[in-house]
Amino acid sequence: DAVLGSVEPDPAGTDPAILRRWLARHPFT
């Protein structure tokens, strides 16, 4: 009845340190 998809911050416009922290908190599963 509903689907929750995942998102990923665009590496091209995201600070690398922020992206690393975000990915550590949001594993793709």
All heavy atoms as atom14 arrays in JSON, in Angstrom:
{
  "sequence": "DAVLGSVEPDPAGTDPAILRRWLARHPFT",
  "atom14_mask": [
    [1, 1, 1, 1, 1, 1, 1, 1, 0, 0, 0, 0, 0, 0],
    [1, 1, 1, 1, 1, 0, 0, 0, 0, 0, 0, 0, 0, 0],
    [1, 1, 1, 1, 1, 1, 1, 0, 0, 0, 0, 0, 0, 0],
    [1, 1, 1, 1, 1, 1, 1, 1, 0, 0, 0, 0, 0, 0],
    [1, 1, 1, 1, 0, 0, 0, 0, 0, 0, 0, 0, 0, 0],
    [1, 1, 1, 1, 1, 1, 0, 0, 0, 0, 0, 0, 0, 0],
    [1, 1, 1, 1, 1, 1, 1, 0, 0, 0, 0, 0, 0, 0],
    [1, 1, 1, 1, 1, 1, 1, 1, 1, 0, 0, 0, 0, 0],
    [1, 1, 1, 1, 1, 1, 1, 0, 0, 0, 0, 0, 0, 0],
    [1, 1, 1, 1, 1, 1, 1, 1, 0, 0, 0, 0, 0, 0],
    [1, 1, 1, 1, 1, 1, 1, 0, 0, 0, 0, 0, 0, 0],
    [1, 1, 1, 1, 1, 0, 0, 0, 0, 0, 0, 0, 0, 0],
    [1, 1, 1, 1, 0, 0, 0, 0, 0, 0, 0, 0, 0, 0],
    [1, 1, 1, 1, 1, 1, 1, 0, 0, 0, 0, 0, 0, 0],
    [1, 1, 1, 1, 1, 1, 1, 1, 0, 0, 0, 0, 0, 0],
    [1, 1, 1, 1, 1, 1, 1, 0, 0, 0, 0, 0, 0, 0],
    [1, 1, 1, 1, 1, 0, 0, 0, 0, 0, 0, 0, 0, 0],
    [1, 1, 1, 1, 1, 1, 1, 1, 0, 0, 0, 0, 0, 0],
    [1, 1, 1, 1, 1, 1, 1, 1, 0, 0, 0, 0, 0, 0],
    [1, 1, 1, 1, 1, 1, 1, 1, 1, 1, 1, 0, 0, 0],
    [1, 1, 1, 1, 1, 1, 1, 1, 1, 1, 1, 0, 0, 0],
    [1, 1, 1, 1, 1, 1, 1, 1, 1, 1, 1, 1, 1, 1],
    [1, 1, 1, 1, 1, 1, 1, 1, 0, 0, 0, 0, 0, 0],
    [1, 1, 1, 1, 1, 0, 0, 0, 0, 0, 0, 0, 0, 0],
    [1, 1, 1, 1, 1, 1, 1, 1, 1, 1, 1, 0, 0, 0],
    [1, 1, 1, 1, 1, 1, 1, 1, 1, 1, 0, 0, 0, 0],
    [1, 1, 1, 1, 1, 1, 1, 0, 0, 0, 0, 0, 0, 0],
    [1, 1, 1, 1, 1, 1, 1, 1, 1, 1, 1, 0, 0, 0],
    [1, 1, 1, 1, 1, 1, 1, 0, 0, 0, 0, 0, 0, 0]
  ],
  "atom14_positions": [
    [[0.82, -1.2, 0.0], [0.0, 0.0, 0.0], [0.86, 1.26, 0.0], [0.39, 2.33, -0.39], [-0.92, 0.02, 1.22], [-1.92, -1.11, 1.21], [-2.66, -1.24, 0.21], [-1.98, -1.88, 2.18], [0.0, 0.0, 0.0], [0.0, 0.0, 0.0], [0.0, 0.0, 0.0], [0.0, 0.0, 0.0], [0.0, 0.0, 0.0], [0.0, 0.0, 0.0]],
    [[2.09, 1.14, 0.45], [3.03, 2.26, 0.43], [4.44, 1.71, 0.3], [4.74, 0.61, 0.79], [2.91, 3.11, 1.69], [0.0, 0.0, 0.0], [0.0, 0.0, 0.0], [0.0, 0.0, 0.0], [0.0, 0.0, 0.0], [0.0, 0.0, 0.0], [0.0, 0.0, 0.0], [0.0, 0.0, 0.0], [0.0, 0.0, 0.0], [0.0, 0.0, 0.0]],
    [[5.3, 2.48, -0.36], [6.7, 2.08, -0.56], [7.6, 3.22, -0.1], [7.44, 4.36, -0.55], [6.97, 1.75, -2.04], [8.47, 1.49, -2.24], [6.17, 0.53, -2.47], [0.0, 0.0, 0.0], [0.0, 0.0, 0.0], [0.0, 0.0, 0.0], [0.0, 0.0, 0.0], [0.0, 0.0, 0.0], [0.0, 0.0, 0.0], [0.0, 0.0, 0.0]],
    [[8.53, 2.89, 0.8], [9.51, 3.85, 1.29], [10.84, 3.56, 0.63], [11.46, 2.53, 0.9], [9.65, 3.74, 2.81], [8.36, 3.75, 3.64], [8.68, 3.61, 5.12], [7.57, 5.02, 3.38], [0.0, 0.0, 0.0], [0.0, 0.0, 0.0], [0.0, 0.0, 0.0], [0.0, 0.0, 0.0], [0.0, 0.0, 0.0], [0.0, 0.0, 0.0]],
    [[11.26, 4.43, -0.28], [12.53, 4.23, -0.95], [13.67, 4.88, -0.17], [13.45, 5.65, 0.78], [0.0, 0.0, 0.0], [0.0, 0.0, 0.0], [0.0, 0.0, 0.0], [0.0, 0.0, 0.0], [0.0, 0.0, 0.0], [0.0, 0.0, 0.0], [0.0, 0.0, 0.0], [0.0, 0.0, 0.0], [0.0, 0.0, 0.0], [0.0, 0.0, 0.0]],
    [[14.89, 4.59, -0.58], [16.06, 5.18, 0.05], [16.55, 6.38, -0.76], [16.16, 6.57, -1.91], [17.18, 4.13, 0.17], [17.44, 3.56, -1.1], [0.0, 0.0, 0.0], [0.0, 0.0, 0.0], [0.0, 0.0, 0.0], [0.0, 0.0, 0.0], [0.0, 0.0, 0.0], [0.0, 0.0, 0.0], [0.0, 0.0, 0.0], [0.0, 0.0, 0.0]],
    [[17.39, 7.2, -0.15], [18.01, 8.32, -0.85], [19.5, 8.33, -0.55], [19.96, 7.76, 0.43], [17.4, 9.68, -0.46], [15.89, 9.69, -0.67], [17.75, 10.06, 0.97], [0.0, 0.0, 0.0], [0.0, 0.0, 0.0], [0.0, 0.0, 0.0], [0.0, 0.0, 0.0], [0.0, 0.0, 0.0], [0.0, 0.0, 0.0], [0.0, 0.0, 0.0]],
    [[20.23, 9.0, -1.44], [21.67, 9.18, -1.26], [22.02, 10.63, -1.61], [21.67, 11.1, -2.69], [22.46, 8.24, -2.16], [23.96, 8.41, -2.06], [24.72, 7.46, -2.97], [24.08, 6.75, -3.77], [25.97, 7.45, -2.9], [0.0, 0.0, 0.0], [0.0, 0.0, 0.0], [0.0, 0.0, 0.0], [0.0, 0.0, 0.0], [0.0, 0.0, 0.0]],
    [[22.7, 11.36, -0.72], [23.14, 12.7, -1.07], [24.08, 12.65, -2.27], [24.95, 11.77, -2.36], [23.88, 13.18, 0.19], [23.32, 12.33, 1.29], [23.03, 11.0, 0.66], [0.0, 0.0, 0.0], [0.0, 0.0, 0.0], [0.0, 0.0, 0.0], [0.0, 0.0, 0.0], [0.0, 0.0, 0.0], [0.0, 0.0, 0.0], [0.0, 0.0, 0.0]],
    [[23.9, 13.55, -3.2], [24.7, 13.58, -4.41], [26.16, 13.84, -4.06], [26.5, 14.92, -3.55], [24.18, 14.68, -5.34], [24.83, 14.65, -6.7], [25.81, 13.9, -6.88], [24.36, 15.38, -7.59], [0.0, 0.0, 0.0], [0.0, 0.0, 0.0], [0.0, 0.0, 0.0], [0.0, 0.0, 0.0], [0.0, 0.0, 0.0], [0.0, 0.0, 0.0]],
    [[27.06, 12.87, -4.31], [28.47, 13.08, -3.97], [29.06, 14.31, -4.66], [30.0, 14.93, -4.12], [29.16, 11.79, -4.45], [28.07, 10.77, -4.45], [26.83, 11.52, -4.85], [0.0, 0.0, 0.0], [0.0, 0.0, 0.0], [0.0, 0.0, 0.0], [0.0, 0.0, 0.0], [0.0, 0.0, 0.0], [0.0, 0.0, 0.0], [0.0, 0.0, 0.0]],
    [[28.52, 14.66, -5.83], [29.06, 15.8, -6.58], [28.83, 17.12, -5.87], [29.54, 18.09, -6.13], [28.46, 15.84, -7.98], [0.0, 0.0, 0.0], [0.0, 0.0, 0.0], [0.0, 0.0, 0.0], [0.0, 0.0, 0.0], [0.0, 0.0, 0.0], [0.0, 0.0, 0.0], [0.0, 0.0, 0.0], [0.0, 0.0, 0.0], [0.0, 0.0, 0.0]],
    [[27.86, 17.19, -4.99], [27.57, 18.46, -4.32], [27.55, 18.37, -2.81], [27.02, 19.25, -2.14], [0.0, 0.0, 0.0], [0.0, 0.0, 0.0], [0.0, 0.0, 0.0], [0.0, 0.0, 0.0], [0.0, 0.0, 0.0], [0.0, 0.0, 0.0], [0.0, 0.0, 0.0], [0.0, 0.0, 0.0], [0.0, 0.0, 0.0], [0.0, 0.0, 0.0]],
    [[28.13, 17.28, -2.27], [28.11, 17.07, -0.83], [29.53, 17.07, -0.28], [30.41, 16.43, -0.85], [27.43, 15.73, -0.47], [26.14, 15.68, -1.08], [27.29, 15.57, 1.03], [0.0, 0.0, 0.0], [0.0, 0.0, 0.0], [0.0, 0.0, 0.0], [0.0, 0.0, 0.0], [0.0, 0.0, 0.0], [0.0, 0.0, 0.0], [0.0, 0.0, 0.0]],
    [[29.73, 17.78, 0.81], [31.04, 17.77, 1.47], [31.42, 16.33, 1.82], [30.61, 15.59, 2.38], [30.96, 18.61, 2.74], [32.27, 18.63, 3.5], [32.51, 17.7, 4.3], [33.06, 19.58, 3.29], [0.0, 0.0, 0.0], [0.0, 0.0, 0.0], [0.0, 0.0, 0.0], [0.0, 0.0, 0.0], [0.0, 0.0, 0.0], [0.0, 0.0, 0.0]],
    [[32.64, 15.88, 1.47], [33.02, 14.48, 1.7], [32.87, 14.04, 3.15], [32.47, 12.9, 3.42], [34.49, 14.43, 1.26], [34.6, 15.53, 0.26], [33.69, 16.61, 0.73], [0.0, 0.0, 0.0], [0.0, 0.0, 0.0], [0.0, 0.0, 0.0], [0.0, 0.0, 0.0], [0.0, 0.0, 0.0], [0.0, 0.0, 0.0], [0.0, 0.0, 0.0]],
    [[33.2, 14.92, 4.1], [33.07, 14.55, 5.51], [31.61, 14.34, 5.89], [31.27, 13.4, 6.62], [33.69, 15.63, 6.39], [0.0, 0.0, 0.0], [0.0, 0.0, 0.0], [0.0, 0.0, 0.0], [0.0, 0.0, 0.0], [0.0, 0.0, 0.0], [0.0, 0.0, 0.0], [0.0, 0.0, 0.0], [0.0, 0.0, 0.0], [0.0, 0.0, 0.0]],
    [[30.74, 15.2, 5.38], [29.31, 15.04, 5.65], [28.79, 13.76, 5.03], [28.02, 13.01, 5.64], [28.53, 16.26, 5.11], [28.91, 17.52, 5.87], [27.03, 16.01, 5.18], [28.24, 18.78, 5.34], [0.0, 0.0, 0.0], [0.0, 0.0, 0.0], [0.0, 0.0, 0.0], [0.0, 0.0, 0.0], [0.0, 0.0, 0.0], [0.0, 0.0, 0.0]],
    [[29.21, 13.48, 3.8], [28.75, 12.27, 3.11], [29.18, 11.02, 3.86], [28.38, 10.08, 4.02], [29.29, 12.25, 1.68], [28.82, 11.08, 0.8], [27.3, 11.09, 0.68], [29.47, 11.16, -0.58], [0.0, 0.0, 0.0], [0.0, 0.0, 0.0], [0.0, 0.0, 0.0], [0.0, 0.0, 0.0], [0.0, 0.0, 0.0], [0.0, 0.0, 0.0]],
    [[30.43, 10.99, 4.36], [30.89, 9.82, 5.12], [30.04, 9.62, 6.37], [29.65, 8.5, 6.69], [32.36, 9.99, 5.51], [33.35, 9.8, 4.36], [34.75, 9.62, 4.88], [35.2, 10.79, 5.65], [35.8, 11.85, 5.11], [36.01, 11.89, 3.8], [36.19, 12.85, 5.86], [0.0, 0.0, 0.0], [0.0, 0.0, 0.0], [0.0, 0.0, 0.0]],
    [[29.77, 10.69, 7.08], [28.96, 10.58, 8.29], [27.54, 10.13, 7.96], [26.94, 9.33, 8.69], [28.94, 11.92, 9.04], [30.28, 12.27, 9.68], [30.19, 13.61, 10.42], [31.4, 13.89, 11.18], [32.45, 14.53, 10.68], [32.41, 14.97, 9.42], [33.52, 14.74, 11.41], [0.0, 0.0, 0.0], [0.0, 0.0, 0.0], [0.0, 0.0, 0.0]],
    [[27.01, 10.67, 6.87], [25.64, 10.3, 6.5], [25.57, 8.82, 6.12], [24.67, 8.1, 6.57], [25.15, 11.16, 5.33], [23.68, 11.01, 5.09], [22.67, 11.73, 5.64], [23.06, 10.03, 4.24], [21.46, 11.27, 5.19], [21.66, 10.24, 4.34], [23.55, 9.02, 3.41], [20.76, 9.46, 3.63], [22.64, 8.24, 2.72], [21.25, 8.46, 2.83]],
    [[26.51, 8.36, 5.31], [26.5, 6.96, 4.88], [26.69, 6.01, 6.06], [26.12, 4.91, 6.08], [27.6, 6.73, 3.84], [27.39, 7.42, 2.49], [28.62, 7.26, 1.6], [26.16, 6.85, 1.79], [0.0, 0.0, 0.0], [0.0, 0.0, 0.0], [0.0, 0.0, 0.0], [0.0, 0.0, 0.0], [0.0, 0.0, 0.0], [0.0, 0.0, 0.0]],
    [[27.46, 6.42, 7.05], [27.66, 5.57, 8.23], [26.37, 5.41, 9.02], [26.15, 4.37, 9.66], [28.74, 6.17, 9.12], [0.0, 0.0, 0.0], [0.0, 0.0, 0.0], [0.0, 0.0, 0.0], [0.0, 0.0, 0.0], [0.0, 0.0, 0.0], [0.0, 0.0, 0.0], [0.0, 0.0, 0.0], [0.0, 0.0, 0.0], [0.0, 0.0, 0.0]],
    [[25.51, 6.4, 8.97], [24.25, 6.36, 9.71], [23.09, 5.81, 8.89], [22.02, 5.53, 9.44], [23.89, 7.78, 10.2], [24.81, 8.3, 11.3], [24.66, 9.8, 11.45], [25.37, 10.33, 12.61], [26.68, 10.55, 12.64], [27.43, 10.27, 11.57], [27.26, 11.03, 13.73], [0.0, 0.0, 0.0], [0.0, 0.0, 0.0], [0.0, 0.0, 0.0]],
    [[23.28, 5.65, 7.58], [22.18, 5.24, 6.71], [22.65, 4.14, 5.74], [22.77, 4.37, 4.53], [21.64, 6.43, 5.92], [21.11, 7.53, 6.77], [21.93, 8.44, 7.4], [19.84, 7.87, 7.1], [21.18, 9.29, 8.09], [19.92, 8.97, 7.93], [0.0, 0.0, 0.0], [0.0, 0.0, 0.0], [0.0, 0.0, 0.0], [0.0, 0.0, 0.0]],
    [[22.92, 2.95, 6.24], [23.31, 1.85, 5.35], [22.19, 1.53, 4.37], [21.0, 1.61, 4.72], [23.6, 0.69, 6.31], [22.82, 1.02, 7.54], [22.83, 2.52, 7.65], [0.0, 0.0, 0.0], [0.0, 0.0, 0.0], [0.0, 0.0, 0.0], [0.0, 0.0, 0.0], [0.0, 0.0, 0.0], [0.0, 0.0, 0.0], [0.0, 0.0, 0.0]],
    [[22.57, 1.18, 3.16], [21.58, 0.88, 2.12], [21.16, -0.58, 2.24], [21.87, -1.49, 1.81], [22.16, 1.16, 0.74], [22.52, 2.61, 0.53], [23.8, 2.97, 0.14], [21.59, 3.6, 0.74], [24.13, 4.3, -0.07], [21.9, 4.94, 0.55], [23.18, 5.28, 0.15], [0.0, 0.0, 0.0], [0.0, 0.0, 0.0], [0.0, 0.0, 0.0]],
    [[19.98, -0.81, 2.81], [19.48, -2.16, 3.01], [17.99, -2.21, 2.71], [17.3, -1.19, 2.7], [19.69, -2.62, 4.47], [18.98, -1.74, 5.35], [21.17, -2.61, 4.84], [0.0, 0.0, 0.0], [0.0, 0.0, 0.0], [0.0, 0.0, 0.0], [0.0, 0.0, 0.0], [0.0, 0.0, 0.0], [0.0, 0.0, 0.0], [0.0, 0.0, 0.0]]
  ]
}
